[in-house]
Amino acid sequence: HTCWSFGLYLGGSLCVQYFLKGLGLKNNLLGITLALTCMGFAGSLTAGWSGKLVDRLGVKRILLWGHLTWAFLPAVWLMATPEYALYWLGAGSLISGIACSAANTAGNKLVTRVPPPELRTVYVALSSSAGSLAGGCGAITAGIIMYVFGESSIATPLGAIGGFQVLFLVSLCLRLSATVLLIPRIKL
């Protein structure tokens, strides 16, 4: 949970600033708002369905596939271009919203099933606190990386790589690593 949260906030804490500045969406606030609210909209529409899916397919399977799908969101941000940013961001938010809803439902079921009943509240509190602390550290680290990079970038055959691209690449790698390496080790 902590590794995932660190990676999530490392890339996600400053993504809107990138969308507004790097993708030039500061003049299309309605469009960016609609594109980004797709995540919450998709998550709320599929919340009941995802609970049934977790019950049918199992906590571990949905936890893995939900996080794996959700982990690729920074890749969508990296592929977005100013011309098609709203389409990329809208599609990424919609797909990630569904995956996020399923992964969070599976995660909640996991933390209420693993510990003995008398320790569940302590387990949930510690898990939430550790995740929040890791997320805060991820956001602070993102700020430090952006401070170090400033406005500079490195030219590559694939395009310029600046602070935002570094954040998104590292976030993608951390999310994938946490998903692929840690979730399969969960014992139910």
C-alpha atoms as a PDB file:
ATOM      1  CA  HIS A   1       0.000   0.000   0.000  1.00  0.00           C
ATOM      2  CA  THR A   2       2.786   2.426   0.865  1.00  0.00           C
ATOM      3  CA  CYS A   3       4.834   1.760  -2.285  1.00  0.00           C
ATOM      4  CA  TRP A   4       1.734   2.212  -4.445  1.00  0.00           C
ATOM      5  CA  SER A   5       0.716   5.424  -2.648  1.00  0.00           C
ATOM      6  CA  PHE A   6       4.185   6.925  -3.013  1.00  0.00           C
ATOM      7  CA  GLY A   7       4.155   6.225  -6.764  1.00  0.00           C
ATOM      8  CA  LEU A   8       0.581   7.449  -7.107  1.00  0.00           C
ATOM      9  CA  TYR A   9       1.278  10.813  -5.497  1.00  0.00           C
ATOM     10  CA  LEU A  10       4.701  11.198  -7.086  1.00  0.00           C
ATOM     11  CA  GLY A  11       3.090  11.372 -10.525  1.00  0.00           C
ATOM     12  CA  GLY A  12      -0.407  12.486  -9.667  1.00  0.00           C
ATOM     13  CA  SER A  13       0.225  15.401  -7.317  1.00  0.00           C
ATOM     14  CA  LEU A  14       1.385  17.763 -10.065  1.00  0.00           C
ATOM     15  CA  CYS A  15      -0.310  16.276 -13.133  1.00  0.00           C
ATOM     16  CA  VAL A  16      -2.954  19.015 -13.415  1.00  0.00           C
ATOM     17  CA  GLN A  17      -0.196  21.634 -13.521  1.00  0.00           C
ATOM     18  CA  TYR A  18       1.311  19.702 -16.445  1.00  0.00           C
ATOM     19  CA  PHE A  19      -2.054  19.474 -18.194  1.00  0.00           C
ATOM     20  CA  LEU A  20      -2.572  23.213 -17.895  1.00  0.00           C
ATOM     21  CA  LYS A  21       0.974  24.285 -18.708  1.00  0.00           C
ATOM     22  CA  GLY A  22       2.585  21.463 -20.694  1.00  0.00           C
ATOM     23  CA  LEU A  23      -0.449  20.476 -22.744  1.00  0.00           C
ATOM     24  CA  GLY A  24      -1.766  24.017 -23.098  1.00  0.00           C
ATOM     25  CA  LEU A  25      -5.157  23.349 -21.544  1.00  0.00           C
ATOM     26  CA  LYS A  26      -5.203  26.531 -19.450  1.00  0.00           C
ATOM     27  CA  ASN A  27      -7.485  28.081 -22.067  1.00  0.00           C
ATOM     28  CA  ASN A  28      -9.890  25.131 -22.021  1.00  0.00           C
ATOM     29  CA  LEU A  29     -10.825  24.774 -18.361  1.00  0.00           C
ATOM     30  CA  LEU A  30     -14.255  23.343 -19.146  1.00  0.00           C
ATOM     31  CA  GLY A  31     -12.745  20.655 -21.345  1.00  0.00           C
ATOM     32  CA  ILE A  32     -10.072  19.670 -18.838  1.00  0.00           C
ATOM     33  CA  THR A  33     -12.636  19.624 -16.027  1.00  0.00           C
ATOM     34  CA  LEU A  34     -14.891  17.311 -18.009  1.00  0.00           C
ATOM     35  CA  ALA A  35     -11.990  15.071 -19.040  1.00  0.00           C
ATOM     36  CA  LEU A  36     -10.716  14.695 -15.476  1.00  0.00           C
ATOM     37  CA  THR A  37     -14.107  14.206 -13.844  1.00  0.00           C
ATOM     38  CA  CYS A  38     -14.573  11.130 -16.016  1.00  0.00           C
ATOM     39  CA  MET A  39     -12.511   9.268 -13.401  1.00  0.00           C
ATOM     40  CA  GLY A  40     -14.875  10.039 -10.542  1.00  0.00           C
ATOM     41  CA  PHE A  41     -17.937   9.603 -12.731  1.00  0.00           C
ATOM     42  CA  ALA A  42     -16.807   6.193 -13.988  1.00  0.00           C
ATOM     43  CA  GLY A  43     -15.839   5.119 -10.484  1.00  0.00           C
ATOM     44  CA  SER A  44     -19.183   6.093  -8.986  1.00  0.00           C
ATOM     45  CA  LEU A  45     -21.152   4.428 -11.766  1.00  0.00           C
ATOM     46  CA  THR A  46     -19.279   1.145 -11.436  1.00  0.00           C
ATOM     47  CA  ALA A  47     -18.930   0.977  -7.626  1.00  0.00           C
ATOM     48  CA  GLY A  48     -21.798  -1.484  -7.112  1.00  0.00           C
ATOM     49  CA  TRP A  49     -20.791  -3.534 -10.115  1.00  0.00           C
ATOM     50  CA  SER A  50     -17.165  -3.708  -8.996  1.00  0.00           C
ATOM     51  CA  GLY A  51     -18.196  -5.086  -5.595  1.00  0.00           C
ATOM     52  CA  LYS A  52     -20.061  -7.921  -7.281  1.00  0.00           C
ATOM     53  CA  LEU A  53     -17.093  -8.477  -9.591  1.00  0.00           C
ATOM     54  CA  VAL A  54     -14.747  -8.780  -6.606  1.00  0.00           C
ATOM     55  CA  ASP A  55     -17.087 -11.294  -4.970  1.00  0.00           C
ATOM     56  CA  ARG A  56     -17.302 -13.326  -8.162  1.00  0.00           C
ATOM     57  CA  LEU A  57     -13.664 -13.268  -9.335  1.00  0.00           C
ATOM     58  CA  GLY A  58     -11.847 -12.863  -6.031  1.00  0.00           C
ATOM     59  CA  VAL A  59     -10.082 -10.120  -4.149  1.00  0.00           C
ATOM     60  CA  LYS A  60      -6.561 -10.914  -5.302  1.00  0.00           C
ATOM     61  CA  ARG A  61      -7.414 -11.135  -9.000  1.00  0.00           C
ATOM     62  CA  ILE A  62      -9.321  -7.827  -9.058  1.00  0.00           C
ATOM     63  CA  LEU A  63      -6.686  -6.175  -6.877  1.00  0.00           C
ATOM     64  CA  LEU A  64      -4.008  -7.199  -9.377  1.00  0.00           C
ATOM     65  CA  TRP A  65      -5.856  -6.337 -12.590  1.00  0.00           C
ATOM     66  CA  GLY A  66      -7.418  -3.159 -11.216  1.00  0.00           C
ATOM     67  CA  HIS A  67      -4.068  -1.807 -10.052  1.00  0.00           C
ATOM     68  CA  LEU A  68      -2.318  -2.986 -13.210  1.00  0.00           C
ATOM     69  CA  THR A  69      -4.778  -1.056 -15.387  1.00  0.00           C
ATOM     70  CA  TRP A  70      -4.694   1.962 -13.090  1.00  0.00           C
ATOM     71  CA  ALA A  71      -0.873   1.877 -13.074  1.00  0.00           C
ATOM     72  CA  PHE A  72      -0.739   2.792 -16.774  1.00  0.00           C
ATOM     73  CA  LEU A  73      -2.428   6.176 -16.280  1.00  0.00           C
ATOM     74  CA  PRO A  74       0.920   8.062 -16.274  1.00  0.00           C
ATOM     75  CA  ALA A  75       1.692   6.468 -19.656  1.00  0.00           C
ATOM     76  CA  VAL A  76      -1.488   8.084 -20.996  1.00  0.00           C
ATOM     77  CA  TRP A  77      -0.294  11.435 -19.672  1.00  0.00           C
ATOM     78  CA  LEU A  78       3.041  10.923 -21.417  1.00  0.00           C
ATOM     79  CA  MET A  79       1.363  10.077 -24.746  1.00  0.00           C
ATOM     80  CA  ALA A  80      -1.026  13.040 -24.650  1.00  0.00           C
ATOM     81  CA  THR A  81      -0.242  15.806 -27.105  1.00  0.00           C
ATOM     82  CA  PRO A  82      -1.706  19.319 -27.006  1.00  0.00           C
ATOM     83  CA  GLU A  83      -3.863  18.590 -30.062  1.00  0.00           C
ATOM     84  CA  TYR A  84      -5.464  15.448 -28.615  1.00  0.00           C
ATOM     85  CA  ALA A  85      -4.958  16.028 -24.875  1.00  0.00           C
ATOM     86  CA  LEU A  86      -8.658  16.090 -23.991  1.00  0.00           C
ATOM     87  CA  TYR A  87      -9.264  12.775 -25.758  1.00  0.00           C
ATOM     88  CA  TRP A  88      -6.262  11.076 -24.115  1.00  0.00           C
ATOM     89  CA  LEU A  89      -7.016  12.483 -20.683  1.00  0.00           C
ATOM     90  CA  GLY A  90     -10.725  11.710 -20.928  1.00  0.00           C
ATOM     91  CA  ALA A  91     -10.142   8.115 -22.057  1.00  0.00           C
ATOM     92  CA  GLY A  92      -7.412   7.596 -19.459  1.00  0.00           C
ATOM     93  CA  SER A  93      -9.614   8.986 -16.701  1.00  0.00           C
ATOM     94  CA  LEU A  94     -12.587   6.878 -17.740  1.00  0.00           C
ATOM     95  CA  ILE A  95     -10.642   3.597 -17.867  1.00  0.00           C
ATOM     96  CA  SER A  96      -8.671   4.402 -14.716  1.00  0.00           C
ATOM     97  CA  GLY A  97     -11.853   5.368 -12.885  1.00  0.00           C
ATOM     98  CA  ILE A  98     -13.320   1.938 -13.497  1.00  0.00           C
ATOM     99  CA  ALA A  99     -10.051   0.197 -12.571  1.00  0.00           C
ATOM    100  CA  CYS A 100      -9.617   2.417  -9.496  1.00  0.00           C
ATOM    101  CA  SER A 101     -13.115   1.610  -8.265  1.00  0.00           C
ATOM    102  CA  ALA A 102     -12.553  -2.120  -8.628  1.00  0.00           C
ATOM    103  CA  ALA A 103      -9.057  -1.992  -7.065  1.00  0.00           C
ATOM    104  CA  ASN A 104     -10.232   0.079  -4.107  1.00  0.00           C
ATOM    105  CA  THR A 105     -13.205  -2.210  -3.514  1.00  0.00           C
ATOM    106  CA  ALA A 106     -10.890  -5.227  -3.566  1.00  0.00           C
ATOM    107  CA  GLY A 107      -8.424  -3.455  -1.277  1.00  0.00           C
ATOM    108  CA  ASN A 108     -11.145  -2.602   1.220  1.00  0.00           C
ATOM    109  CA  LYS A 109     -12.358  -6.188   1.228  1.00  0.00           C
ATOM    110  CA  LEU A 110      -8.791  -7.356   1.739  1.00  0.00           C
ATOM    111  CA  VAL A 111      -8.120  -5.195   4.801  1.00  0.00           C
ATOM    112  CA  THR A 112     -11.380  -6.311   6.389  1.00  0.00           C
ATOM    113  CA  ARG A 113     -10.795 -10.029   5.740  1.00  0.00           C
ATOM    114  CA  VAL A 114      -7.130 -10.564   6.614  1.00  0.00           C
ATOM    115  CA  PRO A 115      -6.821  -9.467  10.261  1.00  0.00           C
ATOM    116  CA  PRO A 116      -8.784 -11.111  13.054  1.00  0.00           C
ATOM    117  CA  PRO A 117     -12.031  -9.240  13.868  1.00  0.00           C
ATOM    118  CA  GLU A 118     -10.691  -7.716  17.080  1.00  0.00           C
ATOM    119  CA  LEU A 119      -7.732  -6.142  15.217  1.00  0.00           C
ATOM    120  CA  ARG A 120      -9.493  -4.911  12.051  1.00  0.00           C
ATOM    121  CA  THR A 121      -9.851  -1.283  13.106  1.00  0.00           C
ATOM    122  CA  VAL A 122      -6.197  -1.090  14.123  1.00  0.00           C
ATOM    123  CA  TYR A 123      -5.142  -2.752  10.853  1.00  0.00           C
ATOM    124  CA  VAL A 124      -7.268  -0.369   8.763  1.00  0.00           C
ATOM    125  CA  ALA A 125      -5.978   2.663  10.708  1.00  0.00           C
ATOM    126  CA  LEU A 126      -2.331   1.637  10.329  1.00  0.00           C
ATOM    127  CA  SER A 127      -2.755   0.789   6.654  1.00  0.00           C
ATOM    128  CA  SER A 128      -4.455   4.117   5.928  1.00  0.00           C
ATOM    129  CA  SER A 129      -1.887   6.081   7.926  1.00  0.00           C
ATOM    130  CA  ALA A 130       1.059   4.395   6.207  1.00  0.00           C
ATOM    131  CA  GLY A 131      -0.505   5.002   2.784  1.00  0.00           C
ATOM    132  CA  SER A 132      -1.191   8.652   3.574  1.00  0.00           C
ATOM    133  CA  LEU A 133       2.330   9.199   4.885  1.00  0.00           C
ATOM    134  CA  ALA A 134       3.799   7.586   1.757  1.00  0.00           C
ATOM    135  CA  GLY A 135       1.529   9.694  -0.451  1.00  0.00           C
ATOM    136  CA  GLY A 136       2.673  12.855   1.305  1.00  0.00           C
ATOM    137  CA  CYS A 137       6.307  11.836   0.822  1.00  0.00           C
ATOM    138  CA  GLY A 138       5.578  11.201  -2.860  1.00  0.00           C
ATOM    139  CA  ALA A 139       4.089  14.684  -3.290  1.00  0.00           C
ATOM    140  CA  ILE A 140       7.050  16.295  -1.510  1.00  0.00           C
ATOM    141  CA  THR A 141       9.476  14.296  -3.665  1.00  0.00           C
ATOM    142  CA  ALA A 142       7.602  15.455  -6.770  1.00  0.00           C
ATOM    143  CA  GLY A 143       8.065  19.048  -5.699  1.00  0.00           C
ATOM    144  CA  ILE A 144      11.783  18.491  -5.110  1.00  0.00           C
ATOM    145  CA  ILE A 145      12.204  16.869  -8.543  1.00  0.00           C
ATOM    146  CA  MET A 146      10.402  19.753 -10.211  1.00  0.00           C
ATOM    147  CA  TYR A 147      12.554  22.246  -8.297  1.00  0.00           C
ATOM    148  CA  VAL A 148      15.750  20.481  -9.398  1.00  0.00           C
ATOM    149  CA  PHE A 149      14.664  20.286 -13.047  1.00  0.00           C
ATOM    150  CA  GLY A 150      13.179  23.775 -13.165  1.00  0.00           C
ATOM    151  CA  GLU A 151      12.370  24.645 -16.758  1.00  0.00           C
ATOM    152  CA  SER A 152      15.207  22.542 -18.190  1.00  0.00           C
ATOM    153  CA  SER A 153      14.737  19.446 -20.325  1.00  0.00           C
ATOM    154  CA  ILE A 154      16.844  16.866 -22.118  1.00  0.00           C
ATOM    155  CA  ALA A 155      16.380  16.328 -25.852  1.00  0.00           C
ATOM    156  CA  THR A 156      15.864  12.685 -26.880  1.00  0.00           C
ATOM    157  CA  PRO A 157      14.718  11.044 -30.131  1.00  0.00           C
ATOM    158  CA  LEU A 158      11.299  10.576 -28.509  1.00  0.00           C
ATOM    159  CA  GLY A 159      11.013  14.231 -27.528  1.00  0.00           C
ATOM    160  CA  ALA A 160      12.061  16.497 -24.698  1.00  0.00           C
ATOM    161  CA  ILE A 161      12.209  14.985 -21.221  1.00  0.00           C
ATOM    162  CA  GLY A 162      11.697  17.462 -18.405  1.00  0.00           C
ATOM    163  CA  GLY A 163      10.659  17.240 -14.794  1.00  0.00           C
ATOM    164  CA  PHE A 164       7.072  16.210 -15.512  1.00  0.00           C
ATOM    165  CA  GLN A 165       8.125  13.395 -17.818  1.00  0.00           C
ATOM    166  CA  VAL A 166      10.560  12.125 -15.176  1.00  0.00           C
ATOM    167  CA  LEU A 167       7.792  12.205 -12.555  1.00  0.00           C
ATOM    168  CA  PHE A 168       5.394  10.310 -14.815  1.00  0.00           C
ATOM    169  CA  LEU A 169       7.986   7.703 -15.848  1.00  0.00           C
ATOM    170  CA  VAL A 170       9.074   7.046 -12.266  1.00  0.00           C
ATOM    171  CA  SER A 171       5.438   6.957 -11.132  1.00  0.00           C
ATOM    172  CA  LEU A 172       4.627   4.446 -13.869  1.00  0.00           C
ATOM    173  CA  CYS A 173       7.578   2.248 -12.864  1.00  0.00           C
ATOM    174  CA  LEU A 174       6.741   2.397  -9.147  1.00  0.00           C
ATOM    175  CA  ARG A 175       3.069   1.625  -9.756  1.00  0.00           C
ATOM    176  CA  LEU A 176       3.885  -1.316 -12.010  1.00  0.00           C
ATOM    177  CA  SER A 177       6.539  -2.613  -9.610  1.00  0.00           C
ATOM    178  CA  ALA A 178       4.225  -2.416  -6.610  1.00  0.00           C
ATOM    179  CA  THR A 179       1.487  -4.168  -8.552  1.00  0.00           C
ATOM    180  CA  VAL A 180       3.502  -6.917 -10.201  1.00  0.00           C
ATOM    181  CA  LEU A 181       5.931  -7.643  -7.367  1.00  0.00           C
ATOM    182  CA  LEU A 182       3.852  -7.117  -4.232  1.00  0.00           C
ATOM    183  CA  ILE A 183       0.233  -8.040  -4.977  1.00  0.00           C
ATOM    184  CA  PRO A 184       1.016 -11.655  -6.014  1.00  0.00           C
ATOM    185  CA  ARG A 185       2.678 -12.144  -2.588  1.00  0.00           C
ATOM    186  CA  ILE A 186      -0.541 -11.406  -0.699  1.00  0.00           C
ATOM    187  CA  LYS A 187      -1.697 -14.436   1.255  1.00  0.00           C
ATOM    188  CA  LEU A 188      -5.447 -14.823   1.637  1.00  0.00           C
END
